[in-house]
C-alpha cells in the first residue's frame, strides 16, 4: 500500500534501468517515452476529474482569508 506517486516512480525507475541494460535502441527509447507519458496521464487524470467538484471549497477558503477594506 504505497501512494500513487511512489508506484509510478518505481515504474519509471524500473523502465529506465531496463532501457540502460538493453542498450540504446530506438525501440527501447520509444517504449520508455510511451511509459513515461502514460504515467504522467495516470497521475494527472484523477486530479483533473476531482478538481471541478472541489473548486467551490477552494474559492470559499480564499474568500474567508481575504482582506476586506
N, C-alpha and C. Protein backbone atom coordinates (compact mmCIF):
# COMPACT_ATOMS: atom_id res chain seq x y z
N UNK A 1 0.83 -1.17 0.00
CA UNK A 1 0.00 0.00 0.00
C UNK A 1 0.88 1.24 0.00
N UNK A 2 1.23 1.67 -1.20
CA UNK A 2 2.04 2.86 -1.38
C UNK A 2 1.21 3.93 -2.07
N UNK A 3 1.58 5.21 -1.92
CA UNK A 3 0.91 6.26 -2.68
C UNK A 3 1.15 6.09 -4.17
N UNK A 4 0.25 6.64 -4.95
CA UNK A 4 0.31 6.51 -6.41
C UNK A 4 1.64 7.03 -6.96
N UNK A 5 2.12 8.13 -6.43
CA UNK A 5 3.35 8.72 -6.94
C UNK A 5 4.55 7.79 -6.76
N UNK A 6 4.61 7.08 -5.64
CA UNK A 6 5.72 6.15 -5.44
C UNK A 6 5.65 4.96 -6.38
N UNK A 7 4.47 4.47 -6.64
CA UNK A 7 4.31 3.35 -7.57
C UNK A 7 4.72 3.79 -8.97
N UNK A 8 4.29 4.97 -9.38
CA UNK A 8 4.67 5.46 -10.71
C UNK A 8 6.17 5.73 -10.81
N UNK A 9 6.76 6.20 -9.73
CA UNK A 9 8.21 6.42 -9.72
C UNK A 9 8.95 5.11 -9.88
N UNK A 10 8.49 4.08 -9.20
CA UNK A 10 9.13 2.77 -9.33
C UNK A 10 9.01 2.23 -10.75
N UNK A 11 7.87 2.46 -11.39
CA UNK A 11 7.71 2.03 -12.78
C UNK A 11 8.69 2.75 -13.68
N UNK A 12 8.83 4.06 -13.47
CA UNK A 12 9.77 4.84 -14.29
C UNK A 12 11.21 4.41 -14.05
N UNK A 13 11.58 4.19 -12.79
CA UNK A 13 12.95 3.77 -12.50
C UNK A 13 13.25 2.39 -13.06
N UNK A 14 12.30 1.48 -12.94
CA UNK A 14 12.49 0.13 -13.48
C UNK A 14 12.62 0.19 -15.00
N UNK A 15 11.82 1.04 -15.61
CA UNK A 15 11.87 1.19 -17.06
C UNK A 15 13.21 1.77 -17.51
N UNK A 16 13.73 2.77 -16.78
CA UNK A 16 15.00 3.36 -17.17
C UNK A 16 16.15 2.37 -16.96
N UNK A 17 16.08 1.56 -15.91
CA UNK A 17 17.12 0.55 -15.70
C UNK A 17 17.08 -0.52 -16.78
N UNK A 18 15.89 -0.91 -17.20
CA UNK A 18 15.77 -1.90 -18.27
C UNK A 18 16.30 -1.34 -19.58
N UNK A 19 16.02 -0.07 -19.85
CA UNK A 19 16.50 0.55 -21.09
C UNK A 19 18.02 0.67 -21.09
N UNK A 20 18.61 0.96 -19.92
CA UNK A 20 20.07 1.06 -19.86
C UNK A 20 20.72 -0.31 -20.03
N UNK A 21 20.08 -1.35 -19.53
CA UNK A 21 20.64 -2.69 -19.63
C UNK A 21 20.60 -3.19 -21.06
N UNK A 22 19.56 -2.83 -21.82
CA UNK A 22 19.42 -3.30 -23.19
C UNK A 22 20.31 -2.55 -24.16
N UNK A 23 20.70 -1.37 -23.82
CA UNK A 23 21.47 -0.56 -24.73
C UNK A 23 20.61 0.60 -25.21
N UNK A 24 21.08 1.29 -26.21
CA UNK A 24 20.35 2.46 -26.68
C UNK A 24 19.72 2.16 -28.04
N UNK A 25 18.65 1.41 -28.02
CA UNK A 25 17.91 1.13 -29.24
C UNK A 25 16.76 2.10 -29.38
N UNK A 26 16.38 2.38 -30.61
CA UNK A 26 15.29 3.34 -30.82
C UNK A 26 13.96 2.76 -30.35
N UNK A 27 13.78 1.44 -30.46
CA UNK A 27 12.54 0.83 -29.99
C UNK A 27 12.43 0.95 -28.47
N UNK A 28 13.53 0.72 -27.78
CA UNK A 28 13.52 0.82 -26.32
C UNK A 28 13.25 2.26 -25.89
N UNK A 29 13.78 3.23 -26.62
CA UNK A 29 13.55 4.63 -26.28
C UNK A 29 12.10 5.02 -26.51
N UNK A 30 11.49 4.52 -27.58
CA UNK A 30 10.10 4.86 -27.84
C UNK A 30 9.17 4.22 -26.80
N UNK A 31 9.49 3.00 -26.38
CA UNK A 31 8.69 2.35 -25.33
C UNK A 31 8.88 3.10 -24.02
N UNK A 32 10.08 3.53 -23.73
CA UNK A 32 10.35 4.27 -22.50
C UNK A 32 9.58 5.59 -22.48
N UNK A 33 9.55 6.29 -23.60
CA UNK A 33 8.81 7.55 -23.66
C UNK A 33 7.31 7.30 -23.52
N UNK A 34 6.81 6.23 -24.13
CA UNK A 34 5.39 5.90 -24.01
C UNK A 34 5.02 5.61 -22.57
N UNK A 35 5.86 4.88 -21.86
CA UNK A 35 5.58 4.58 -20.45
C UNK A 35 5.64 5.84 -19.61
N UNK A 36 6.58 6.73 -19.90
CA UNK A 36 6.66 7.99 -19.16
C UNK A 36 5.40 8.82 -19.35
N UNK A 37 4.94 8.93 -20.60
CA UNK A 37 3.73 9.71 -20.87
C UNK A 37 2.51 9.07 -20.23
N UNK A 38 2.46 7.75 -20.22
CA UNK A 38 1.32 7.07 -19.60
C UNK A 38 1.30 7.30 -18.09
N UNK A 39 2.46 7.30 -17.45
CA UNK A 39 2.49 7.54 -16.00
C UNK A 39 2.09 8.97 -15.68
N UNK A 40 2.46 9.91 -16.53
CA UNK A 40 2.04 11.29 -16.31
C UNK A 40 0.52 11.40 -16.41
N UNK A 41 -0.07 10.73 -17.38
CA UNK A 41 -1.52 10.76 -17.53
C UNK A 41 -2.22 10.10 -16.35
N UNK A 42 -1.68 8.97 -15.89
CA UNK A 42 -2.29 8.27 -14.75
C UNK A 42 -2.22 9.13 -13.49
N UNK A 43 -1.15 9.90 -13.34
CA UNK A 43 -1.02 10.74 -12.16
C UNK A 43 -1.88 12.00 -12.25
N UNK A 44 -2.10 12.52 -13.45
CA UNK A 44 -2.80 13.78 -13.64
C UNK A 44 -4.31 13.60 -13.77
N UNK A 45 -4.75 12.53 -14.36
CA UNK A 45 -6.17 12.34 -14.65
C UNK A 45 -7.07 12.38 -13.41
N UNK A 46 -6.74 11.72 -12.31
CA UNK A 46 -7.62 11.83 -11.12
C UNK A 46 -7.73 13.26 -10.59
N UNK A 47 -6.66 14.01 -10.64
CA UNK A 47 -6.69 15.39 -10.18
C UNK A 47 -7.63 16.22 -11.06
N UNK A 48 -7.54 16.02 -12.37
CA UNK A 48 -8.40 16.77 -13.28
C UNK A 48 -9.86 16.39 -13.14
N UNK A 49 -10.14 15.16 -12.76
CA UNK A 49 -11.52 14.72 -12.59
C UNK A 49 -12.13 15.22 -11.28
N UNK A 50 -11.34 15.34 -10.24
CA UNK A 50 -11.86 15.73 -8.92
C UNK A 50 -11.90 17.25 -8.75
N UNK A 51 -11.02 17.97 -9.39
CA UNK A 51 -10.91 19.42 -9.17
C UNK A 51 -12.20 20.19 -9.40
N UNK A 52 -12.95 19.96 -10.48
CA UNK A 52 -14.18 20.74 -10.67
C UNK A 52 -15.17 20.60 -9.52
N UNK A 53 -15.23 19.44 -8.89
CA UNK A 53 -16.16 19.23 -7.79
C UNK A 53 -15.69 19.90 -6.49
N UNK A 54 -14.39 20.06 -6.33
CA UNK A 54 -13.86 20.66 -5.12
C UNK A 54 -13.53 22.14 -5.27
N UNK A 55 -13.73 22.68 -6.47
CA UNK A 55 -13.36 24.07 -6.73
C UNK A 55 -14.13 25.04 -5.86
N UNK A 56 -15.39 24.77 -5.55
CA UNK A 56 -16.16 25.70 -4.73
C UNK A 56 -15.58 25.84 -3.32
N UNK A 57 -14.97 24.77 -2.82
CA UNK A 57 -14.36 24.83 -1.48
C UNK A 57 -13.07 25.65 -1.51
N UNK A 58 -12.34 25.59 -2.62
CA UNK A 58 -11.13 26.40 -2.74
C UNK A 58 -11.47 27.88 -2.78
N UNK A 59 -12.49 28.25 -3.55
CA UNK A 59 -12.85 29.66 -3.66
C UNK A 59 -13.42 30.19 -2.35
N UNK A 60 -14.17 29.38 -1.63
CA UNK A 60 -14.71 29.86 -0.36
C UNK A 60 -13.58 30.04 0.66
N UNK A 61 -12.57 29.18 0.63
CA UNK A 61 -11.43 29.33 1.53
C UNK A 61 -10.62 30.58 1.23
N UNK A 62 -10.53 30.94 -0.03
CA UNK A 62 -9.81 32.15 -0.42
C UNK A 62 -10.58 33.37 0.06
N UNK A 63 -11.88 33.33 -0.06
CA UNK A 63 -12.69 34.49 0.34
C UNK A 63 -12.68 34.66 1.88
N UNK A 64 -12.58 33.59 2.62
CA UNK A 64 -12.53 33.69 4.09
C UNK A 64 -11.24 34.39 4.53
N UNK A 65 -10.14 34.08 3.86
CA UNK A 65 -8.85 34.65 4.25
C UNK A 65 -8.56 35.99 3.59
N UNK A 66 -9.49 36.50 2.79
CA UNK A 66 -9.23 37.75 2.08
C UNK A 66 -9.29 38.95 3.04
N UNK A 67 -8.51 39.95 2.71
CA UNK A 67 -8.51 41.19 3.49
C UNK A 67 -9.62 42.08 2.95
N UNK A 68 -10.48 42.51 3.81
CA UNK A 68 -11.61 43.36 3.38
C UNK A 68 -11.34 44.77 3.86
N UNK A 69 -11.54 45.70 2.99
CA UNK A 69 -11.23 47.04 3.42
C UNK A 69 -12.09 48.01 2.83
